[in-house]
C-alpha atoms as a PDB file:
ATOM      1  CA  MET A   1      -2.690 -19.355   5.857  1.00  0.00           C
ATOM      2  CA  PRO A   2      -1.341 -16.192   5.121  1.00  0.00           C
ATOM      3  CA  ALA A   3       2.253 -16.024   3.112  1.00  0.00           C
ATOM      4  CA  ASN A   4       5.230 -14.829   5.199  1.00  0.00           C
ATOM      5  CA  LYS A   5       5.826 -11.125   4.585  1.00  0.00           C
ATOM      6  CA  LEU A   6       9.526 -11.741   3.756  1.00  0.00           C
ATOM      7  CA  HIS A   7       8.500 -14.194   1.074  1.00  0.00           C
ATOM      8  CA  ASN A   8       6.430 -12.271  -1.675  1.00  0.00           C
ATOM      9  CA  GLU A   9       7.141 -10.699  -4.942  1.00  0.00           C
ATOM     10  CA  TYR A  10       7.642  -7.376  -3.172  1.00  0.00           C
ATOM     11  CA  ALA A  11      10.404  -8.558  -0.833  1.00  0.00           C
ATOM     12  CA  ALA A  12      12.091 -10.522  -3.747  1.00  0.00           C
ATOM     13  CA  ARG A  13      12.284  -7.310  -5.671  1.00  0.00           C
ATOM     14  CA  PHE A  14      13.544  -5.120  -2.723  1.00  0.00           C
ATOM     15  CA  GLY A  15      16.012  -7.705  -1.402  1.00  0.00           C
ATOM     16  CA  SER A  16      17.268  -7.117   2.110  1.00  0.00           C
ATOM     17  CA  VAL A  17      15.871  -3.381   1.969  1.00  0.00           C
ATOM     18  CA  TYR A  18      12.301  -4.774   2.314  1.00  0.00           C
ATOM     19  CA  ALA A  19      12.673  -6.215   5.802  1.00  0.00           C
ATOM     20  CA  GLU A  20      14.846  -3.081   6.966  1.00  0.00           C
ATOM     21  CA  THR A  21      12.286  -0.634   5.856  1.00  0.00           C
ATOM     22  CA  PRO A  22       9.447   0.568   8.328  1.00  0.00           C
ATOM     23  CA  LYS A  23       6.013  -0.164   7.103  1.00  0.00           C
ATOM     24  CA  ALA A  24       5.429   3.627   7.950  1.00  0.00           C
ATOM     25  CA  VAL A  25       8.102   4.514   5.284  1.00  0.00           C
ATOM     26  CA  PHE A  26       6.532   2.448   2.700  1.00  0.00           C
ATOM     27  CA  ALA A  27       2.984   3.736   3.705  1.00  0.00           C
ATOM     28  CA  ALA A  28       4.490   7.406   3.423  1.00  0.00           C
ATOM     29  CA  ILE A  29       5.985   6.810   0.050  1.00  0.00           C
ATOM     30  CA  ALA A  30       2.670   4.932  -1.382  1.00  0.00           C
ATOM     31  CA  TYR A  31       0.588   8.089   0.005  1.00  0.00           C
ATOM     32  CA  SER A  32       3.063  10.405  -1.734  1.00  0.00           C
ATOM     33  CA  MET A  33       2.804   8.542  -4.929  1.00  0.00           C
ATOM     34  CA  CYS A  34      -0.927   8.582  -4.984  1.00  0.00           C
ATOM     35  CA  PHE A  35      -0.669  12.505  -4.244  1.00  0.00           C
ATOM     36  CA  MET A  36       1.194  12.759  -7.578  1.00  0.00           C
ATOM     37  CA  VAL A  37      -0.708  10.523  -9.386  1.00  0.00           C
ATOM     38  CA  SER A  38      -3.902  12.422  -8.293  1.00  0.00           C
ATOM     39  CA  GLU A  39      -2.424  15.695  -9.387  1.00  0.00           C
ATOM     40  CA  GLU A  40      -1.793  16.937  -5.814  1.00  0.00           C
ATOM     41  CA  ASP A  41      -5.356  16.533  -4.535  1.00  0.00           C
ATOM     42  CA  SER A  42      -4.997  15.091  -0.935  1.00  0.00           C
ATOM     43  CA  ARG A  43      -8.497  13.981  -0.894  1.00  0.00           C
ATOM     44  CA  ARG A  44      -8.383  12.084  -4.318  1.00  0.00           C
ATOM     45  CA  ALA A  45      -4.922  10.769  -3.217  1.00  0.00           C
ATOM     46  CA  LEU A  46      -6.259   8.917  -0.127  1.00  0.00           C
ATOM     47  CA  ALA A  47      -9.113   7.520  -2.443  1.00  0.00           C
ATOM     48  CA  ARG A  48      -6.620   6.269  -4.779  1.00  0.00           C
ATOM     49  CA  PHE A  49      -4.538   4.701  -1.860  1.00  0.00           C
ATOM     50  CA  ALA A  50      -7.766   3.047  -0.618  1.00  0.00           C
ATOM     51  CA  GLU A  51      -8.666   1.729  -4.208  1.00  0.00           C
ATOM     52  CA  GLU A  52      -5.163   0.366  -4.675  1.00  0.00           C
ATOM     53  CA  TRP A  53      -5.302  -1.400  -1.339  1.00  0.00           C
ATOM     54  CA  GLN A  54      -8.686  -2.906  -2.357  1.00  0.00           C
ATOM     55  CA  CYS A  55      -7.426  -4.143  -5.534  1.00  0.00           C
ATOM     56  CA  LEU A  56      -4.480  -5.833  -3.843  1.00  0.00           C
ATOM     57  CA  HIS A  57      -6.933  -7.423  -1.517  1.00  0.00           C
ATOM     58  CA  ASP A  58      -9.514  -8.451  -4.142  1.00  0.00           C
ATOM     59  CA  ASN A  59      -6.602 -10.407  -5.943  1.00  0.00           C
ATOM     60  CA  GLY A  60      -5.347 -12.158  -3.014  1.00  0.00           C
ATOM     61  CA  ILE A  61      -1.966 -10.096  -2.659  1.00  0.00           C
ATOM     62  CA  VAL A  62      -2.761  -8.762   0.729  1.00  0.00           C
ATOM     63  CA  PRO A  63      -5.130 -10.526   3.211  1.00  0.00           C
ATOM     64  CA  GLN A  64      -5.861  -7.320   4.947  1.00  0.00           C
ATOM     65  CA  LYS A  65      -9.152  -5.284   3.958  1.00  0.00           C
ATOM     66  CA  PRO A  66      -8.761  -1.339   3.733  1.00  0.00           C
ATOM     67  CA  LEU A  67      -9.764   0.438   6.458  1.00  0.00           C
ATOM     68  CA  LYS A  68     -13.272   1.827   6.318  1.00  0.00           C
ATOM     69  CA  GLY A  69     -13.330   5.497   5.848  1.00  0.00           C
ATOM     70  CA  ILE A  70      -9.612   5.712   4.681  1.00  0.00           C
ATOM     71  CA  ALA A  71     -10.774   8.156   1.763  1.00  0.00           C
ATOM     72  CA  ASP A  72     -12.588  10.496   4.411  1.00  0.00           C
ATOM     73  CA  ALA A  73      -9.436  10.802   6.524  1.00  0.00           C
END
């Protein structure tokens, strides 16, 4: 059974901001950070985003698998 999305480590750290922030905002911030880490290479940023998502899935942190072809978008 999946954990309630408002009762996880991320929600605990963000407090009430977590529930009030649209997931599109979190996605945009995540991509932006991947873009910076990838030295401003947009293709590498998408690949890094997908790698991180896969890592979270592999470790049971998120139940959703990364979308196929995300790094090719």
